[in-house]
Amino acid sequence: MSEPKVLVIEDEPTLARLLSYNLTLEGYATTVVDHGGQGLQTALSQTFDLIILDIMLPGMNGFEVLSKLRQSGNRTPVIILTARNAEEEIVQGLKHGADDYITKPFGVAELLARVGAVLRRSLNDAMELPAFAEEADEKVIKAGELRIYPEKYEVTLEEELISLRPKEFEVLLYLVQRPGMVVTRDDLMNAVWGFDYIGGQRTVDVHVSSLRKKLELNQQSVKIDSIRGVGYKLVIQKK
């Protein structure tokens, strides 16, 4: 099995060397780029298993890189590097499609743990989706006017395509299998991000909030209700 390929987009030389050294030591094939625009082009022109992306970059900041990456259809897992206690940066990064975050300064053990966890989740998703899709009726999951296509990571609502980021899609897939049932934040975190996910429940809330807005934008046939102190419930309105 080939080495997992990791792209590091980081302009601070000392930190870039630290990341490259420890990732390489751990057995990852590491590429380092120190410019936002160049990092985006590298991510789009080559195949990587994971991207570690700093927020403050010359040329193009990390949010712009991440946004353009997701808009292009690239689903490579991304871990953002952000300043400690910068909750707004974390939330914005997750909204743009980041899979996890690391706050600076960080320890090598935390870095490697998060990298390993994100890569395992990505591998599990790739292995499990086709098996699940084969069990679905014509590879389509139907709930009211909602249509979910697991193999293509596509969703339509009332025949209109809804653009979802990978984790938003997985949250919806989990909820739609439990219509009318209350799903706790811990349930969602374990199912979508994995039992070894180090981040907090804020990650779940951000993704559910974004998913809710997209589903309820122009119609009310599908809603995600918040159950205070517990979690969420998917409600399908029948016509």
Protein backbone atom coordinates (compact mmCIF):
# COMPACT_ATOMS: atom_id res chain seq x y z
CA MET A 1 0.00 0.00 0.00
CA SER A 2 1.43 3.40 -0.98
CA GLU A 3 2.17 6.15 1.51
CA PRO A 4 -0.73 8.55 2.20
CA LYS A 5 -0.03 11.86 0.43
CA VAL A 6 -0.36 15.03 2.50
CA LEU A 7 -0.26 18.58 1.14
CA VAL A 8 0.83 21.23 3.66
CA ILE A 9 -0.05 24.83 2.73
CA GLU A 10 1.83 26.91 5.31
CA ASP A 11 4.01 30.01 4.81
CA GLU A 12 5.74 30.16 8.21
CA PRO A 13 9.08 28.36 7.53
CA THR A 14 9.64 26.94 11.03
CA LEU A 15 6.13 25.54 11.30
CA ALA A 16 6.24 24.19 7.74
CA ARG A 17 9.49 22.33 8.53
CA LEU A 18 8.00 20.97 11.77
CA LEU A 19 4.94 19.67 9.95
CA SER A 20 6.92 18.19 7.07
CA TYR A 21 9.48 16.52 9.34
CA ASN A 22 6.97 14.86 11.66
CA LEU A 23 4.57 13.79 8.92
CA THR A 24 7.43 12.29 6.90
CA LEU A 25 8.75 10.53 10.01
CA GLU A 26 5.27 9.05 10.52
CA GLY A 27 5.27 7.63 6.98
CA TYR A 28 3.37 10.26 5.01
CA ALA A 29 4.54 11.52 1.61
CA THR A 30 4.53 15.26 2.27
CA THR A 31 4.44 18.22 -0.12
CA VAL A 32 4.86 21.75 1.28
CA VAL A 33 3.66 24.94 -0.44
CA ASP A 34 4.05 28.43 1.09
CA HIS A 35 1.57 30.45 -1.01
CA GLY A 36 -2.24 30.35 -1.07
CA GLY A 37 -2.74 30.51 -4.83
CA GLN A 38 0.04 28.03 -5.52
CA GLY A 39 -1.38 25.75 -2.84
CA LEU A 40 -4.79 25.77 -4.53
CA GLN A 41 -3.27 24.95 -7.92
CA THR A 42 -1.22 22.11 -6.39
CA ALA A 43 -4.31 20.69 -4.67
CA LEU A 44 -6.31 20.81 -7.91
CA SER A 45 -3.57 19.44 -10.20
CA GLN A 46 -2.43 16.53 -8.01
CA THR A 47 -4.12 13.88 -5.90
CA PHE A 48 -3.71 14.03 -2.12
CA ASP A 49 -5.23 12.06 0.74
CA LEU A 50 -5.21 15.05 3.10
CA ILE A 51 -4.55 18.79 3.07
CA ILE A 52 -3.28 20.77 6.07
CA LEU A 53 -4.19 24.40 5.42
CA ASP A 54 -3.14 27.54 7.29
CA ILE A 55 -5.61 30.43 7.41
CA MET A 56 -3.17 33.35 7.07
CA LEU A 57 -1.41 32.91 3.72
CA PRO A 58 0.09 35.27 1.12
CA GLY A 59 -1.75 35.68 -2.17
CA MET A 60 -4.94 33.95 -1.11
CA ASN A 61 -6.04 33.19 2.45
CA GLY A 62 -6.99 29.75 3.65
CA PHE A 63 -10.75 30.40 3.55
CA GLU A 64 -10.51 31.38 -0.13
CA VAL A 65 -8.40 28.32 -0.92
CA LEU A 66 -10.86 26.03 0.85
CA SER A 67 -13.91 27.63 -0.73
CA LYS A 68 -12.51 27.37 -4.27
CA LEU A 69 -11.40 23.82 -3.60
CA ARG A 70 -14.90 22.73 -2.57
CA GLN A 71 -16.55 24.70 -5.39
CA SER A 72 -14.44 22.74 -7.85
CA GLY A 73 -15.86 19.49 -6.48
CA ASN A 74 -12.63 18.48 -4.73
CA ARG A 75 -13.52 16.52 -1.57
CA THR A 76 -10.00 15.92 -0.23
CA PRO A 77 -10.17 16.08 3.60
CA VAL A 78 -8.86 19.38 4.95
CA ILE A 79 -7.52 20.23 8.41
CA ILE A 80 -7.24 23.97 9.00
CA LEU A 81 -4.59 25.59 11.21
CA THR A 82 -6.00 28.41 13.32
CA ALA A 83 -5.01 30.59 16.27
CA ARG A 84 -5.93 29.37 19.73
CA ASN A 85 -9.35 30.55 20.94
CA ALA A 86 -10.19 31.91 17.46
CA GLU A 87 -13.67 30.37 17.47
CA GLU A 88 -14.86 32.54 14.59
CA GLU A 89 -12.06 31.22 12.38
CA ILE A 90 -12.93 27.64 13.34
CA VAL A 91 -16.63 28.14 12.59
CA GLN A 92 -15.88 29.87 9.28
CA GLY A 93 -13.47 27.10 8.29
CA LEU A 94 -16.04 24.39 9.04
CA LYS A 95 -18.69 26.30 7.09
CA HIS A 96 -16.35 26.41 4.09
CA GLY A 97 -15.98 22.63 4.22
CA ALA A 98 -13.04 21.87 6.54
CA ASP A 99 -13.09 18.42 8.12
CA ASP A 100 -11.19 19.32 11.29
CA TYR A 101 -9.00 22.00 12.81
CA ILE A 102 -5.86 22.33 14.92
CA THR A 103 -5.23 25.38 17.08
CA LYS A 104 -1.72 26.83 17.25
CA PRO A 105 0.48 26.18 19.08
CA PHE A 106 -0.04 22.42 19.04
CA GLY A 107 1.91 19.34 20.04
CA VAL A 108 3.20 16.71 17.63
CA ALA A 109 1.06 14.02 19.28
CA GLU A 110 -2.13 16.07 18.72
CA LEU A 111 -1.16 16.77 15.11
CA LEU A 112 -0.56 13.11 14.29
CA ALA A 113 -3.71 12.03 16.15
CA ARG A 114 -5.91 14.41 14.16
CA VAL A 115 -4.25 13.52 10.85
CA GLY A 116 -4.70 9.82 11.54
CA ALA A 117 -8.34 10.25 12.61
CA VAL A 118 -9.30 12.27 9.52
CA LEU A 119 -7.58 9.81 7.18
CA ARG A 120 -9.32 6.84 8.86
CA ARG A 121 -12.72 8.50 8.53
CA SER A 122 -12.06 9.29 4.88
CA LEU A 123 -11.02 5.69 4.19
CA ASN A 124 -14.06 4.29 6.02
CA ASP A 125 -16.39 6.58 4.06
CA ALA A 126 -14.89 5.40 0.78
CA MET A 127 -15.24 1.73 1.77
CA GLU A 128 -18.74 1.92 3.22
CA LEU A 129 -20.61 4.08 0.69
CA PRO A 130 -20.75 1.62 -2.23
CA ALA A 131 -21.94 -1.23 0.04
CA PHE A 132 -24.73 0.93 1.42
CA ALA A 133 -25.68 2.21 -2.01
CA GLU A 134 -26.14 -1.29 -3.35
CA GLU A 135 -28.81 -1.91 -0.73
CA ALA A 136 -30.76 1.21 -1.65
CA ASP A 137 -33.67 1.06 -4.08
CA GLU A 138 -32.02 1.77 -7.45
CA LYS A 139 -29.23 3.51 -5.54
CA VAL A 140 -31.63 6.24 -4.47
CA ILE A 141 -32.92 6.90 -0.95
CA LYS A 142 -36.37 8.50 -0.98
CA ALA A 143 -38.02 10.46 1.83
CA GLY A 144 -41.00 12.57 0.79
CA GLU A 145 -39.75 14.92 -1.93
CA LEU A 146 -36.14 14.27 -0.90
CA ARG A 147 -33.90 12.09 -3.09
CA ILE A 148 -30.43 11.07 -1.90
CA TYR A 149 -27.86 9.46 -4.22
CA PRO A 150 -25.16 7.92 -1.99
CA GLU A 151 -22.75 6.97 -4.78
CA LYS A 152 -22.72 10.48 -6.23
CA TYR A 153 -23.03 12.44 -2.96
CA GLU A 154 -25.97 14.27 -4.54
CA VAL A 155 -29.28 15.42 -3.07
CA THR A 156 -32.40 16.75 -4.76
CA LEU A 157 -35.41 18.27 -3.05
CA GLU A 158 -38.60 18.73 -5.07
CA GLU A 159 -36.46 17.89 -8.13
CA GLU A 160 -34.04 20.74 -7.37
CA LEU A 161 -30.36 19.90 -6.82
CA ILE A 162 -29.13 20.90 -3.34
CA SER A 163 -25.39 21.57 -3.14
CA LEU A 164 -24.01 20.02 0.05
CA ARG A 165 -20.48 19.66 1.40
CA PRO A 166 -19.38 16.07 2.18
CA LYS A 167 -20.02 16.21 5.94
CA GLU A 168 -23.38 17.96 5.43
CA PHE A 169 -24.34 15.13 3.10
CA GLU A 170 -23.34 12.51 5.67
CA VAL A 171 -25.30 14.29 8.42
CA LEU A 172 -28.40 14.33 6.21
CA LEU A 173 -27.93 10.68 5.27
CA TYR A 174 -27.79 9.73 8.96
CA LEU A 175 -30.87 11.80 9.83
CA VAL A 176 -32.97 10.60 6.89
CA GLN A 177 -32.50 7.00 8.01
CA ARG A 178 -34.16 8.01 11.29
CA PRO A 179 -37.10 10.23 10.26
CA GLY A 180 -39.02 11.67 13.22
CA MET A 181 -36.46 10.29 15.70
CA VAL A 182 -34.41 12.54 17.96
CA VAL A 183 -30.70 12.11 17.23
CA THR A 184 -28.25 13.36 19.83
CA ARG A 185 -25.18 15.42 18.99
CA ASP A 186 -23.00 12.57 20.25
CA ASP A 187 -24.79 10.15 17.90
CA LEU A 188 -24.10 12.42 14.94
CA MET A 189 -20.51 13.06 15.93
CA ASN A 190 -19.75 9.35 16.33
CA ALA A 191 -21.53 8.37 13.10
CA VAL A 192 -20.19 11.12 10.84
CA TRP A 193 -16.85 12.13 12.39
CA GLY A 194 -15.99 8.88 14.19
CA PHE A 195 -15.50 7.83 17.79
CA ASP A 196 -11.90 9.08 17.74
CA TYR A 197 -12.84 12.63 16.67
CA ILE A 198 -11.10 15.12 18.95
CA GLY A 199 -13.19 18.21 18.14
CA GLY A 200 -16.24 19.37 20.08
CA GLN A 201 -20.00 19.39 19.51
CA ARG A 202 -19.78 22.88 18.00
CA THR A 203 -18.67 21.14 14.81
CA VAL A 204 -21.98 19.24 14.67
CA ASP A 205 -24.04 22.38 15.32
CA VAL A 206 -22.29 24.32 12.54
CA HIS A 207 -22.88 21.59 9.96
CA VAL A 208 -26.52 21.07 10.97
CA SER A 209 -27.17 24.83 10.85
CA SER A 210 -25.71 25.09 7.34
CA LEU A 211 -27.62 21.99 6.19
CA ARG A 212 -30.89 23.32 7.62
CA LYS A 213 -30.55 26.63 5.75
CA LYS A 214 -29.93 24.86 2.45
CA LEU A 215 -32.90 22.51 2.86
CA GLU A 216 -35.32 25.20 3.97
CA LEU A 217 -34.21 27.92 1.56
CA ASN A 218 -37.29 28.03 -0.67
CA GLN A 219 -39.67 25.42 0.73
CA GLN A 220 -40.75 23.76 3.97
CA SER A 221 -41.23 20.10 2.99
CA VAL A 222 -38.09 19.04 4.90
CA LYS A 223 -37.07 20.57 8.22
CA ILE A 224 -34.47 19.86 10.87
CA ASP A 225 -35.88 20.66 14.30
CA SER A 226 -33.60 21.42 17.25
CA ILE A 227 -34.51 19.56 20.42
CA ARG A 228 -33.13 21.75 23.19
CA GLY A 229 -30.45 20.07 25.26
CA VAL A 230 -30.64 16.85 23.25
CA GLY A 231 -30.01 17.09 19.52
CA TYR A 232 -31.92 17.17 16.24
CA LYS A 233 -34.87 15.59 14.43
CA LEU A 234 -35.57 15.40 10.70
CA VAL A 235 -39.21 16.15 9.85
CA ILE A 236 -40.63 15.22 6.43
CA GLN A 237 -43.83 17.04 5.47
CA LYS A 238 -46.09 14.81 3.36
CA LYS A 239 -48.05 16.40 0.55
